[in-house]
């Protein structure tokens, strides 16, 4: 796809921020057994959200200020929509809010934290395959 230079720059910025979140989630997950798991899930969700937003910018699609990754993915044109599990995206959606604010939320388990990083990794891989290599070059 031929994209404008300013679009190229913005896609690159979104993917770089997404990668920071992915690395942060991974680092936090391996620190130690009693380390808080909420930040792992939050950064995994943020990685997914930012990669989808990068794809939307790449496709020249405006998007609302939203953390709902299912809603955002539905804005991606069919021919650029990665094959992602809606169940996985719905699972990770809850971590945009529940992991940051007090409330009557269920406690995040280590299994959920590991699953959230798996989902984020899959989203990274599938969306990176759709973006031009020159957008992703560091």
N, C-alpha and C. Protein backbone atom coordinates (compact mmCIF):
# COMPACT_ATOMS: atom_id res chain seq x y z
N UNK A 1 0.85 -1.17 0.00
CA UNK A 1 0.00 0.00 0.00
C UNK A 1 0.90 1.23 0.00
N UNK A 2 0.53 2.21 -0.77
CA UNK A 2 1.27 3.46 -0.82
C UNK A 2 0.66 4.42 0.20
N UNK A 3 1.43 4.80 1.21
CA UNK A 3 0.90 5.71 2.21
C UNK A 3 1.72 7.00 2.23
N UNK A 4 1.09 8.06 2.69
CA UNK A 4 1.74 9.36 2.77
C UNK A 4 2.82 9.34 3.85
N UNK A 5 3.84 10.18 3.72
CA UNK A 5 4.94 10.19 4.71
C UNK A 5 4.46 10.44 6.14
N UNK A 6 3.51 11.34 6.33
CA UNK A 6 3.03 11.62 7.69
C UNK A 6 2.24 10.42 8.25
N UNK A 7 1.58 9.70 7.36
CA UNK A 7 0.86 8.49 7.74
C UNK A 7 1.87 7.41 8.14
N UNK A 8 2.90 7.27 7.35
CA UNK A 8 3.99 6.33 7.62
C UNK A 8 4.57 6.58 9.01
N UNK A 9 4.84 7.85 9.30
CA UNK A 9 5.41 8.21 10.59
C UNK A 9 4.47 7.86 11.74
N UNK A 10 3.19 8.12 11.57
CA UNK A 10 2.22 7.84 12.63
C UNK A 10 2.04 6.33 12.85
N UNK A 11 2.03 5.56 11.78
CA UNK A 11 1.95 4.10 11.92
C UNK A 11 3.16 3.60 12.69
N UNK A 12 4.32 4.10 12.35
CA UNK A 12 5.54 3.70 13.03
C UNK A 12 5.49 4.07 14.52
N UNK A 13 4.97 5.24 14.83
CA UNK A 13 4.85 5.66 16.23
C UNK A 13 3.89 4.74 17.00
N UNK A 14 2.76 4.40 16.40
CA UNK A 14 1.80 3.50 17.05
C UNK A 14 2.43 2.13 17.30
N UNK A 15 3.14 1.61 16.30
CA UNK A 15 3.73 0.27 16.48
C UNK A 15 4.86 0.29 17.50
N UNK A 16 5.62 1.36 17.55
CA UNK A 16 6.69 1.45 18.55
C UNK A 16 6.11 1.49 19.96
N UNK A 17 5.03 2.24 20.15
CA UNK A 17 4.38 2.28 21.47
C UNK A 17 3.78 0.92 21.82
N UNK A 18 3.22 0.26 20.83
CA UNK A 18 2.65 -1.08 21.06
C UNK A 18 3.74 -2.05 21.49
N UNK A 19 4.89 -1.99 20.83
CA UNK A 19 6.01 -2.87 21.18
C UNK A 19 6.53 -2.58 22.59
N UNK A 20 6.54 -1.31 22.99
CA UNK A 20 6.94 -0.97 24.37
C UNK A 20 6.01 -1.64 25.37
N UNK A 21 4.71 -1.58 25.10
CA UNK A 21 3.75 -2.22 26.00
C UNK A 21 3.96 -3.73 26.04
N UNK A 22 4.21 -4.33 24.88
CA UNK A 22 4.41 -5.78 24.82
C UNK A 22 5.65 -6.19 25.62
N UNK A 23 6.74 -5.46 25.44
CA UNK A 23 7.96 -5.77 26.20
C UNK A 23 7.75 -5.56 27.69
N UNK A 24 7.05 -4.50 28.05
CA UNK A 24 6.78 -4.24 29.47
C UNK A 24 5.98 -5.38 30.08
N UNK A 25 4.95 -5.84 29.41
CA UNK A 25 4.14 -6.95 29.92
C UNK A 25 5.01 -8.18 30.11
N UNK A 26 5.86 -8.46 29.14
CA UNK A 26 6.74 -9.63 29.24
C UNK A 26 7.72 -9.52 30.39
N UNK A 27 8.30 -8.36 30.57
CA UNK A 27 9.25 -8.15 31.67
C UNK A 27 8.56 -8.32 33.02
N UNK A 28 7.39 -7.73 33.17
CA UNK A 28 6.67 -7.81 34.43
C UNK A 28 6.25 -9.25 34.76
N UNK A 29 5.92 -9.99 33.75
CA UNK A 29 5.45 -11.36 33.96
C UNK A 29 6.53 -12.26 34.55
N UNK A 30 7.79 -11.99 34.25
CA UNK A 30 8.86 -12.87 34.72
C UNK A 30 9.60 -12.35 35.95
N UNK A 31 9.19 -11.23 36.50
CA UNK A 31 9.93 -10.68 37.64
C UNK A 31 9.97 -11.64 38.83
N UNK A 32 8.82 -11.97 39.35
CA UNK A 32 8.75 -12.97 40.42
C UNK A 32 7.30 -13.37 40.64
N UNK A 33 7.10 -14.44 41.34
CA UNK A 33 5.77 -15.03 41.49
C UNK A 33 4.76 -14.08 42.13
N UNK A 34 5.16 -13.27 43.09
CA UNK A 34 4.19 -12.44 43.78
C UNK A 34 4.08 -11.03 43.21
N UNK A 35 4.64 -10.83 42.03
CA UNK A 35 4.56 -9.52 41.38
C UNK A 35 3.12 -9.25 40.95
N UNK A 36 2.63 -7.99 41.05
CA UNK A 36 1.25 -7.70 40.64
C UNK A 36 1.01 -8.06 39.17
N UNK A 37 -0.09 -8.72 38.91
CA UNK A 37 -0.39 -9.18 37.55
C UNK A 37 -1.25 -8.21 36.76
N UNK A 38 -1.92 -7.28 37.44
CA UNK A 38 -2.75 -6.31 36.72
C UNK A 38 -1.97 -5.55 35.66
N UNK A 39 -0.75 -5.04 35.96
CA UNK A 39 -0.02 -4.30 34.93
C UNK A 39 0.35 -5.17 33.72
N UNK A 40 0.56 -6.45 33.92
CA UNK A 40 0.84 -7.35 32.79
C UNK A 40 -0.34 -7.35 31.83
N UNK A 41 -1.53 -7.52 32.38
CA UNK A 41 -2.74 -7.57 31.55
C UNK A 41 -3.03 -6.22 30.93
N UNK A 42 -2.81 -5.13 31.68
CA UNK A 42 -3.05 -3.80 31.14
C UNK A 42 -2.13 -3.53 29.95
N UNK A 43 -0.84 -3.80 30.09
CA UNK A 43 0.09 -3.53 29.00
C UNK A 43 -0.16 -4.46 27.80
N UNK A 44 -0.62 -5.66 28.05
CA UNK A 44 -0.98 -6.56 26.94
C UNK A 44 -2.16 -5.98 26.17
N UNK A 45 -3.17 -5.51 26.89
CA UNK A 45 -4.34 -4.91 26.24
C UNK A 45 -3.92 -3.67 25.45
N UNK A 46 -3.06 -2.86 26.04
CA UNK A 46 -2.60 -1.64 25.37
C UNK A 46 -1.82 -1.96 24.10
N UNK A 47 -1.05 -3.02 24.13
CA UNK A 47 -0.32 -3.46 22.94
C UNK A 47 -1.30 -3.79 21.82
N UNK A 48 -2.31 -4.56 22.14
CA UNK A 48 -3.31 -4.96 21.15
C UNK A 48 -4.02 -3.72 20.60
N UNK A 49 -4.46 -2.86 21.48
CA UNK A 49 -5.17 -1.65 21.07
C UNK A 49 -4.31 -0.79 20.13
N UNK A 50 -3.06 -0.60 20.49
CA UNK A 50 -2.18 0.26 19.69
C UNK A 50 -1.84 -0.37 18.34
N UNK A 51 -1.69 -1.68 18.29
CA UNK A 51 -1.44 -2.32 17.00
C UNK A 51 -2.65 -2.20 16.08
N UNK A 52 -3.84 -2.35 16.63
CA UNK A 52 -5.04 -2.19 15.80
C UNK A 52 -5.16 -0.75 15.33
N UNK A 53 -4.85 0.20 16.19
CA UNK A 53 -4.90 1.61 15.78
C UNK A 53 -3.84 1.91 14.72
N UNK A 54 -2.68 1.28 14.82
CA UNK A 54 -1.66 1.44 13.78
C UNK A 54 -2.19 0.95 12.44
N UNK A 55 -2.88 -0.18 12.47
CA UNK A 55 -3.45 -0.74 11.24
C UNK A 55 -4.53 0.19 10.67
N UNK A 56 -5.32 0.79 11.55
CA UNK A 56 -6.34 1.73 11.09
C UNK A 56 -5.70 2.95 10.44
N UNK A 57 -4.65 3.47 11.04
CA UNK A 57 -3.94 4.60 10.44
C UNK A 57 -3.38 4.20 9.09
N UNK A 58 -2.79 3.02 9.02
CA UNK A 58 -2.23 2.49 7.78
C UNK A 58 -3.29 2.44 6.67
N UNK A 59 -4.51 2.08 7.06
CA UNK A 59 -5.62 1.96 6.10
C UNK A 59 -6.37 3.28 5.91
N UNK A 60 -5.86 4.35 6.51
CA UNK A 60 -6.49 5.69 6.42
C UNK A 60 -7.91 5.70 6.98
N UNK A 61 -8.12 4.98 8.07
CA UNK A 61 -9.43 4.92 8.71
C UNK A 61 -9.36 5.72 10.02
N UNK A 62 -10.24 6.68 10.16
CA UNK A 62 -10.33 7.43 11.41
C UNK A 62 -11.04 6.54 12.43
N UNK A 63 -10.66 6.69 13.68
CA UNK A 63 -11.25 5.86 14.72
C UNK A 63 -11.58 6.71 15.95
N UNK A 64 -12.57 6.25 16.72
CA UNK A 64 -12.95 6.99 17.93
C UNK A 64 -11.95 6.76 19.05
N UNK A 65 -11.98 7.62 20.04
CA UNK A 65 -11.19 7.40 21.25
C UNK A 65 -11.89 6.27 21.99
N UNK A 66 -11.33 5.09 21.89
CA UNK A 66 -11.94 3.90 22.47
C UNK A 66 -10.86 2.91 22.84
N UNK A 67 -11.12 2.17 23.92
CA UNK A 67 -10.23 1.09 24.31
C UNK A 67 -10.79 -0.27 23.90
N UNK A 68 -11.96 -0.27 23.26
CA UNK A 68 -12.64 -1.51 22.88
C UNK A 68 -11.99 -2.07 21.61
N UNK A 69 -11.16 -3.08 21.79
CA UNK A 69 -10.40 -3.61 20.64
C UNK A 69 -11.28 -4.34 19.63
N UNK A 70 -12.40 -4.88 20.07
CA UNK A 70 -13.33 -5.53 19.14
C UNK A 70 -13.97 -4.45 18.25
N UNK A 71 -14.41 -3.38 18.87
CA UNK A 71 -14.99 -2.26 18.11
C UNK A 71 -13.98 -1.70 17.11
N UNK A 72 -12.75 -1.52 17.56
CA UNK A 72 -11.71 -0.98 16.68
C UNK A 72 -11.40 -1.93 15.52
N UNK A 73 -11.30 -3.21 15.81
CA UNK A 73 -11.01 -4.18 14.76
C UNK A 73 -12.12 -4.19 13.71
N UNK A 74 -13.35 -3.99 14.12
CA UNK A 74 -14.47 -3.98 13.17
C UNK A 74 -14.40 -2.81 12.20
N UNK A 75 -13.59 -1.79 12.50
CA UNK A 75 -13.42 -0.66 11.59
C UNK A 75 -12.41 -0.95 10.48
N UNK A 76 -11.59 -1.98 10.67
CA UNK A 76 -10.57 -2.33 9.69
C UNK A 76 -11.25 -2.93 8.46
N UNK A 77 -10.90 -2.44 7.26
CA UNK A 77 -11.49 -3.03 6.04
C UNK A 77 -11.22 -4.54 5.96
N UNK A 78 -12.19 -5.25 5.43
CA UNK A 78 -12.11 -6.73 5.35
C UNK A 78 -10.78 -7.22 4.77
N UNK A 79 -10.31 -6.59 3.71
CA UNK A 79 -9.10 -7.08 3.04
C UNK A 79 -7.83 -6.83 3.87
N UNK A 80 -7.92 -6.06 4.95
CA UNK A 80 -6.77 -5.84 5.83
C UNK A 80 -7.01 -6.36 7.25
N UNK A 81 -8.16 -6.96 7.46
CA UNK A 81 -8.50 -7.43 8.81
C UNK A 81 -7.77 -8.74 9.10
N UNK A 82 -6.91 -8.73 10.12
CA UNK A 82 -6.21 -9.97 10.47
C UNK A 82 -7.17 -10.99 11.05
N UNK A 83 -6.82 -12.24 10.90
CA UNK A 83 -7.62 -13.34 11.43
C UNK A 83 -7.32 -13.47 12.92
N UNK A 84 -8.09 -12.75 13.71
CA UNK A 84 -7.91 -12.76 15.16
C UNK A 84 -9.16 -13.33 15.82
N UNK A 85 -8.97 -14.00 16.92
CA UNK A 85 -10.07 -14.57 17.66
C UNK A 85 -10.85 -13.46 18.38
N UNK A 86 -12.13 -13.35 18.07
CA UNK A 86 -12.97 -12.36 18.75
C UNK A 86 -13.07 -12.72 20.24
N UNK A 87 -13.05 -13.99 20.54
CA UNK A 87 -13.07 -14.43 21.95
C UNK A 87 -11.83 -13.89 22.67
N UNK A 88 -10.65 -14.04 22.05
CA UNK A 88 -9.42 -13.53 22.66
C UNK A 88 -9.49 -12.02 22.85
N UNK A 89 -9.98 -11.31 21.83
CA UNK A 89 -10.06 -9.86 21.93
C UNK A 89 -11.04 -9.43 23.01
N UNK A 90 -12.18 -10.12 23.11
CA UNK A 90 -13.15 -9.81 24.16
C UNK A 90 -12.55 -10.10 25.53
N UNK A 91 -11.74 -11.14 25.61
CA UNK A 91 -11.09 -11.49 26.88
C UNK A 91 -10.13 -10.38 27.31
N UNK A 92 -9.34 -9.89 26.39
CA UNK A 92 -8.34 -8.88 26.75
C UNK A 92 -8.96 -7.49 26.91
N UNK A 93 -10.14 -7.30 26.34
CA UNK A 93 -10.83 -6.01 26.44
C UNK A 93 -11.02 -5.56 27.89
N UNK A 94 -11.35 -6.48 28.75
CA UNK A 94 -11.66 -6.11 30.13
C UNK A 94 -10.48 -5.49 30.85
N UNK A 95 -9.28 -5.74 30.38
CA UNK A 95 -8.09 -5.26 31.09
C UNK A 95 -7.79 -3.79 30.84
N UNK A 96 -8.50 -3.15 29.93
CA UNK A 96 -8.29 -1.72 29.67
C UNK A 96 -8.71 -0.88 30.87
N UNK A 97 -9.73 -1.33 31.58
CA UNK A 97 -10.26 -0.56 32.70
C UNK A 97 -10.05 -1.30 34.02
N UNK A 98 -10.40 -2.56 34.07
CA UNK A 98 -10.39 -3.31 35.32
C UNK A 98 -9.03 -3.33 36.01
N UNK A 99 -7.98 -3.29 35.24
CA UNK A 99 -6.64 -3.41 35.82
C UNK A 99 -6.09 -2.07 36.30
N UNK A 100 -6.78 -0.97 35.99
CA UNK A 100 -6.27 0.35 36.35
C UNK A 100 -7.05 1.04 37.45
N UNK A 101 -8.29 0.66 37.68
CA UNK A 101 -9.13 1.40 38.60
C UNK A 101 -9.71 0.48 39.67
N UNK A 102 -9.99 1.05 40.85
CA UNK A 102 -10.62 0.23 41.88
C UNK A 102 -12.06 -0.10 41.48
N UNK A 103 -12.54 -1.19 42.00
CA UNK A 103 -13.91 -1.60 41.70
C UNK A 103 -14.12 -3.03 42.14
N UNK A 104 -15.24 -3.53 41.79
CA UNK A 104 -15.62 -4.90 42.15
C UNK A 104 -15.17 -5.86 41.06
N UNK A 105 -13.90 -5.86 40.75
CA UNK A 105 -13.36 -6.70 39.69
C UNK A 105 -12.87 -8.01 40.26
N UNK A 106 -12.85 -9.03 39.43
CA UNK A 106 -12.25 -10.30 39.82
C UNK A 106 -10.74 -10.14 39.86
N UNK A 107 -10.08 -10.87 40.74
CA UNK A 107 -8.63 -10.83 40.83
C UNK A 107 -8.04 -11.50 39.59
N UNK A 108 -7.04 -10.84 39.01
CA UNK A 108 -6.37 -11.39 37.82
C UNK A 108 -5.47 -12.53 38.26
N UNK A 109 -5.57 -13.65 37.58
CA UNK A 109 -4.73 -14.82 37.90
C UNK A 109 -3.48 -14.82 37.03
N UNK A 110 -2.51 -15.59 37.45
CA UNK A 110 -1.29 -15.72 36.65
C UNK A 110 -1.62 -16.31 35.27
N UNK A 111 -2.54 -17.25 35.23
CA UNK A 111 -2.95 -17.84 33.95
C UNK A 111 -3.54 -16.77 33.03
N UNK A 112 -4.36 -15.87 33.57
CA UNK A 112 -4.91 -14.79 32.75
C UNK A 112 -3.82 -13.85 32.26
N UNK A 113 -2.85 -13.58 33.12
CA UNK A 113 -1.74 -12.71 32.72
C UNK A 113 -0.93 -13.35 31.59
N UNK A 114 -0.66 -14.63 31.73
CA UNK A 114 0.07 -15.35 30.67
C UNK A 114 -0.74 -15.38 29.38
N UNK A 115 -2.04 -15.58 29.52
CA UNK A 115 -2.92 -15.62 28.34
C UNK A 115 -2.96 -14.25 27.67
N UNK A 116 -2.98 -13.20 28.45
CA UNK A 116 -3.03 -11.86 27.86
C UNK A 116 -1.77 -11.57 27.05
N UNK A 117 -0.62 -12.02 27.52
CA UNK A 117 0.61 -11.80 26.76
C UNK A 117 0.64 -12.68 25.51
N UNK A 118 0.06 -13.86 25.58
CA UNK A 118 -0.04 -14.71 24.39
C UNK A 118 -0.90 -14.04 23.33
N UNK A 119 -2.04 -13.50 23.75
CA UNK A 119 -2.94 -12.82 22.82
C UNK A 119 -2.23 -11.63 22.19
N UNK A 120 -1.55 -10.84 23.02
CA UNK A 120 -0.83 -9.67 22.50
C UNK A 120 0.23 -10.08 21.49
N UNK A 121 0.95 -11.14 21.78
CA UNK A 121 1.97 -11.62 20.85
C UNK A 121 1.39 -12.06 19.53
N UNK A 122 0.25 -12.71 19.57
CA UNK A 122 -0.41 -13.15 18.34
C UNK A 122 -0.88 -11.95 17.52
N UNK A 123 -1.45 -10.95 18.19
CA UNK A 123 -1.89 -9.75 17.49
C UNK A 123 -0.70 -9.04 16.86
N UNK A 124 0.39 -8.90 17.61
CA UNK A 124 1.62 -8.29 17.07
C UNK A 124 2.03 -8.98 15.77
N UNK A 125 2.15 -10.26 15.83
CA UNK A 125 2.61 -11.04 14.68
C UNK A 125 1.69 -10.86 13.47
N UNK A 126 0.40 -10.98 13.68
CA UNK A 126 -0.55 -10.95 12.56
C UNK A 126 -0.66 -9.56 11.94
N UNK A 127 -0.62 -8.53 12.76
CA UNK A 127 -0.72 -7.19 12.20
C UNK A 127 0.58 -6.78 11.55
N UNK A 128 1.71 -7.15 12.12
CA UNK A 128 3.00 -6.83 11.51
C UNK A 128 3.10 -7.44 10.10
N UNK A 129 2.50 -8.60 9.90
CA UNK A 129 2.52 -9.24 8.58
C UNK A 129 1.74 -8.42 7.54
N UNK A 130 0.80 -7.60 8.00
CA UNK A 130 -0.02 -6.80 7.09
C UNK A 130 0.60 -5.45 6.74
N UNK A 131 1.50 -5.00 7.59
CA UNK A 131 2.11 -3.69 7.38
C UNK A 131 3.34 -3.80 6.50
N UNK A 132 3.57 -2.79 5.67
CA UNK A 132 4.76 -2.77 4.83
C UNK A 132 6.01 -2.84 5.70
N UNK A 133 7.01 -3.54 5.20
CA UNK A 133 8.27 -3.68 5.93
C UNK A 133 8.92 -2.34 6.24
N UNK A 134 8.81 -1.39 5.32
CA UNK A 134 9.46 -0.10 5.56
C UNK A 134 8.81 0.67 6.70
N UNK A 135 7.55 0.40 6.99
CA UNK A 135 6.88 1.03 8.12
C UNK A 135 7.46 0.49 9.42
N UNK A 136 7.85 -0.76 9.43
CA UNK A 136 8.30 -1.41 10.65
C UNK A 136 9.81 -1.32 10.87
N UNK A 137 10.56 -0.95 9.86
CA UNK A 137 12.03 -0.84 10.02
C UNK A 137 12.34 0.16 11.10
N UNK A 138 13.31 -0.20 11.90
CA UNK A 138 13.71 0.68 13.00
C UNK A 138 14.84 1.56 12.60
